[in-house]
Amino acid sequence: MSILPAWIDSLQALQLYHDKKIKKILLSGGSGFVNFQDWKESGLIAKVLLKSGVPEDDIILENGSRNTYENASLSKGILKGNKYGQRFLLITSAFHATFVDVF
């Protein structure tokens, strides 16, 4: 599993959060590993955000997905409830942007 793009996206989100441009950060990414189901990408990145001063209440986790399509689909379900408002900023890679149609 390569999480480098996720780390870069997370750094962009962290900067926007500290600049008060966004209020919450949704991290999407479970485990694509058969043997390491406890390695949740979003959970690993959340630890970095917490150490960088983002309060736990401002981090939303989607950690059930196993692939990019499920990332998008499960994230949509989290956001659809209108609990977090109606405006969202998607930070992703060019490759993963092809899945935006799910939204």
C-alpha atoms as a PDB file:
ATOM      1  CA  MET A   1       0.000   0.000   0.000  1.00  0.00           C
ATOM      2  CA  SER A   2       1.392   3.370  -0.948  1.00  0.00           C
ATOM      3  CA  ILE A   3       0.004   6.128   1.224  1.00  0.00           C
ATOM      4  CA  LEU A   4       2.281   8.884  -0.024  1.00  0.00           C
ATOM      5  CA  PRO A   5      -0.479  10.594  -2.062  1.00  0.00           C
ATOM      6  CA  ALA A   6      -2.762  10.407   0.964  1.00  0.00           C
ATOM      7  CA  TRP A   7      -0.091  12.050   3.111  1.00  0.00           C
ATOM      8  CA  ILE A   8       0.351  14.861   0.589  1.00  0.00           C
ATOM      9  CA  ASP A   9      -3.421  15.405   0.414  1.00  0.00           C
ATOM     10  CA  SER A  10      -3.557  15.400   4.213  1.00  0.00           C
ATOM     11  CA  LEU A  11      -0.851  18.050   4.449  1.00  0.00           C
ATOM     12  CA  GLN A  12      -2.887  20.256   2.120  1.00  0.00           C
ATOM     13  CA  ALA A  13      -5.968  19.708   4.287  1.00  0.00           C
ATOM     14  CA  LEU A  14      -3.940  20.448   7.420  1.00  0.00           C
ATOM     15  CA  GLN A  15      -2.729  23.745   5.965  1.00  0.00           C
ATOM     16  CA  LEU A  16      -6.273  24.749   4.989  1.00  0.00           C
ATOM     17  CA  TYR A  17      -7.494  23.802   8.475  1.00  0.00           C
ATOM     18  CA  HIS A  18      -4.821  25.874  10.224  1.00  0.00           C
ATOM     19  CA  ASP A  19      -5.583  28.772   7.844  1.00  0.00           C
ATOM     20  CA  LYS A  20      -9.234  28.461   8.977  1.00  0.00           C
ATOM     21  CA  LYS A  21     -10.435  27.809   5.424  1.00  0.00           C
ATOM     22  CA  ILE A  22     -12.032  24.473   6.406  1.00  0.00           C
ATOM     23  CA  LYS A  23     -13.661  23.378   9.663  1.00  0.00           C
ATOM     24  CA  LYS A  24     -13.550  19.578   9.437  1.00  0.00           C
ATOM     25  CA  ILE A  25     -11.354  16.996   7.736  1.00  0.00           C
ATOM     26  CA  LEU A  26     -12.793  13.729   6.415  1.00  0.00           C
ATOM     27  CA  LEU A  27     -10.126  11.075   6.029  1.00  0.00           C
ATOM     28  CA  SER A  28     -11.144   8.192   3.816  1.00  0.00           C
ATOM     29  CA  GLY A  29      -9.231   4.937   3.670  1.00  0.00           C
ATOM     30  CA  GLY A  30      -9.531   1.555   5.255  1.00  0.00           C
ATOM     31  CA  SER A  31      -7.252  -1.377   4.568  1.00  0.00           C
ATOM     32  CA  GLY A  32      -6.677  -2.936   1.194  1.00  0.00           C
ATOM     33  CA  PHE A  33      -4.549  -5.649   2.798  1.00  0.00           C
ATOM     34  CA  VAL A  34      -5.898  -9.133   3.327  1.00  0.00           C
ATOM     35  CA  ASN A  35      -3.316  -9.933   6.010  1.00  0.00           C
ATOM     36  CA  PHE A  36      -3.259  -6.565   7.792  1.00  0.00           C
ATOM     37  CA  GLN A  37      -6.903  -5.588   8.268  1.00  0.00           C
ATOM     38  CA  ASP A  38      -6.019  -3.440  11.295  1.00  0.00           C
ATOM     39  CA  TRP A  39      -3.863  -1.092   9.186  1.00  0.00           C
ATOM     40  CA  LYS A  40      -6.421   1.607   8.430  1.00  0.00           C
ATOM     41  CA  GLU A  41      -4.977   4.373   6.261  1.00  0.00           C
ATOM     42  CA  SER A  42      -7.332   7.016   7.635  1.00  0.00           C
ATOM     43  CA  GLY A  43      -6.480   6.091  11.221  1.00  0.00           C
ATOM     44  CA  LEU A  44      -2.752   6.410  10.595  1.00  0.00           C
ATOM     45  CA  ILE A  45      -3.176   9.847   9.033  1.00  0.00           C
ATOM     46  CA  ALA A  46      -5.543  10.933  11.829  1.00  0.00           C
ATOM     47  CA  LYS A  47      -2.749  10.348  14.354  1.00  0.00           C
ATOM     48  CA  VAL A  48      -0.550  12.810  12.461  1.00  0.00           C
ATOM     49  CA  LEU A  49      -3.344  15.415  12.304  1.00  0.00           C
ATOM     50  CA  LEU A  50      -3.980  15.048  16.038  1.00  0.00           C
ATOM     51  CA  LYS A  51      -0.291  15.613  16.778  1.00  0.00           C
ATOM     52  CA  SER A  52      -0.445  18.640  14.464  1.00  0.00           C
ATOM     53  CA  GLY A  53      -3.092  20.322  16.590  1.00  0.00           C
ATOM     54  CA  VAL A  54      -6.342  19.244  14.925  1.00  0.00           C
ATOM     55  CA  PRO A  55      -8.890  18.349  17.626  1.00  0.00           C
ATOM     56  CA  GLU A  56     -10.418  14.876  17.437  1.00  0.00           C
ATOM     57  CA  ASP A  57     -13.891  16.432  17.000  1.00  0.00           C
ATOM     58  CA  ASP A  58     -12.764  17.999  13.715  1.00  0.00           C
ATOM     59  CA  ILE A  59     -11.563  14.713  12.194  1.00  0.00           C
ATOM     60  CA  ILE A  60     -14.130  12.477  10.512  1.00  0.00           C
ATOM     61  CA  LEU A  61     -12.999   8.944   9.712  1.00  0.00           C
ATOM     62  CA  GLU A  62     -14.124   6.576   6.988  1.00  0.00           C
ATOM     63  CA  ASN A  63     -12.090   3.458   7.613  1.00  0.00           C
ATOM     64  CA  GLY A  64     -14.229   0.678   6.173  1.00  0.00           C
ATOM     65  CA  SER A  65     -13.222   0.974   2.526  1.00  0.00           C
ATOM     66  CA  ARG A  66     -10.951  -1.460   0.711  1.00  0.00           C
ATOM     67  CA  ASN A  67     -10.489   0.414  -2.566  1.00  0.00           C
ATOM     68  CA  THR A  68     -10.931   3.830  -4.172  1.00  0.00           C
ATOM     69  CA  TYR A  69     -14.530   3.260  -5.227  1.00  0.00           C
ATOM     70  CA  GLU A  70     -15.483   2.295  -1.677  1.00  0.00           C
ATOM     71  CA  ASN A  71     -13.569   5.365  -0.376  1.00  0.00           C
ATOM     72  CA  ALA A  72     -15.822   7.599  -2.442  1.00  0.00           C
ATOM     73  CA  SER A  73     -19.032   5.686  -1.844  1.00  0.00           C
ATOM     74  CA  LEU A  74     -18.645   5.401   1.945  1.00  0.00           C
ATOM     75  CA  SER A  75     -17.513   9.036   2.224  1.00  0.00           C
ATOM     76  CA  LYS A  76     -20.615  10.097   0.330  1.00  0.00           C
ATOM     77  CA  GLY A  77     -22.734   8.215   2.864  1.00  0.00           C
ATOM     78  CA  ILE A  78     -21.047  10.024   5.740  1.00  0.00           C
ATOM     79  CA  LEU A  79     -21.497  13.448   4.155  1.00  0.00           C
ATOM     80  CA  LYS A  80     -24.997  12.847   2.812  1.00  0.00           C
ATOM     81  CA  GLY A  81     -26.588  13.018   6.255  1.00  0.00           C
ATOM     82  CA  ASN A  82     -26.185  16.819   6.168  1.00  0.00           C
ATOM     83  CA  LYS A  83     -24.639  16.730   9.649  1.00  0.00           C
ATOM     84  CA  TYR A  84     -21.576  18.551   8.325  1.00  0.00           C
ATOM     85  CA  GLY A  85     -23.273  21.077   6.049  1.00  0.00           C
ATOM     86  CA  GLN A  86     -23.682  21.110   2.298  1.00  0.00           C
ATOM     87  CA  ARG A  87     -20.362  22.536   1.074  1.00  0.00           C
ATOM     88  CA  PHE A  88     -17.315  20.324   0.727  1.00  0.00           C
ATOM     89  CA  LEU A  89     -13.832  20.698  -0.672  1.00  0.00           C
ATOM     90  CA  LEU A  90     -12.425  17.521  -2.211  1.00  0.00           C
ATOM     91  CA  ILE A  91      -8.659  17.162  -2.003  1.00  0.00           C
ATOM     92  CA  THR A  92      -7.438  14.191  -4.011  1.00  0.00           C
ATOM     93  CA  SER A  93      -5.006  13.055  -6.672  1.00  0.00           C
ATOM     94  CA  ALA A  94      -5.669  13.238 -10.401  1.00  0.00           C
ATOM     95  CA  PHE A  95      -6.047   9.443 -10.541  1.00  0.00           C
ATOM     96  CA  HIS A  96      -8.554   9.322  -7.697  1.00  0.00           C
ATOM     97  CA  ALA A  97     -10.500  12.265  -9.123  1.00  0.00           C
ATOM     98  CA  THR A  98     -11.895   9.906 -11.759  1.00  0.00           C
ATOM     99  CA  PHE A  99     -14.118   8.494  -9.009  1.00  0.00           C
ATOM    100  CA  VAL A 100     -15.749  11.849  -8.194  1.00  0.00           C
ATOM    101  CA  ASP A 101     -18.808  10.792 -10.214  1.00  0.00           C
ATOM    102  CA  VAL A 102     -19.821   8.766  -7.156  1.00  0.00           C
ATOM    103  CA  PHE A 103     -20.581  12.083  -5.465  1.00  0.00           C
END
